[in-house]
Amino acid sequence: MSLGYHMLIDFYECDKNKISDIKKVEEILISTAKELNATIISSNFNNFYPYGVSGVLIIAESHFTIHTWVDEKMCAIDLFVCDPKIDLKKGAKILKEKFEAKREDIKLFHRLPLKEAI
C-alpha cells in the first residue's frame, strides 16, 4: 500500500518577475494543478517584503506549496499527492517551463506506511 508520492523541487535562475509576483505564482500553481487534473480545495498565498512569495494550494489529493527567494532567483516547491494518476514528473516539467527555470534539483519520495517502510 502506498500513502503517496512526494516531490521536492528546487528551481534556480527563475524569471524574477514571475517569482516575485504573488498573483502570478498563485496562477502558475493553480493552472498546473488543473493541468494535472488535481481537485483544488483552497489556496493561500502571502507576499514577504522586501520580496518573496510563500503559498499553499490544498488539493483533494494532498497539497502543493512554494517559497520563492527573488534575490536568489530561486523557488522551492513541494508537491505531495496520494493519487498515483497525478503525474508529478509532468508537473515538475510544467512548473519549470512556467517559472522559466534554467536548473533544477528534484527529489521524489514514495511514502509508505510504517509497516512497509521497515
Foldseek 3Di string as FASTA:
>chain_A
DFQWKKKKKKFFPFDLVQFFDQVNVVVLVVVLCVVLVWAWDDKDKDFDPPTWIWMWTQTPQGIKIKIDDSVRLMMMIMDIGRDPSRDVVVSVVSSCVSRVGPDMDMDMDTHDPPVVVD
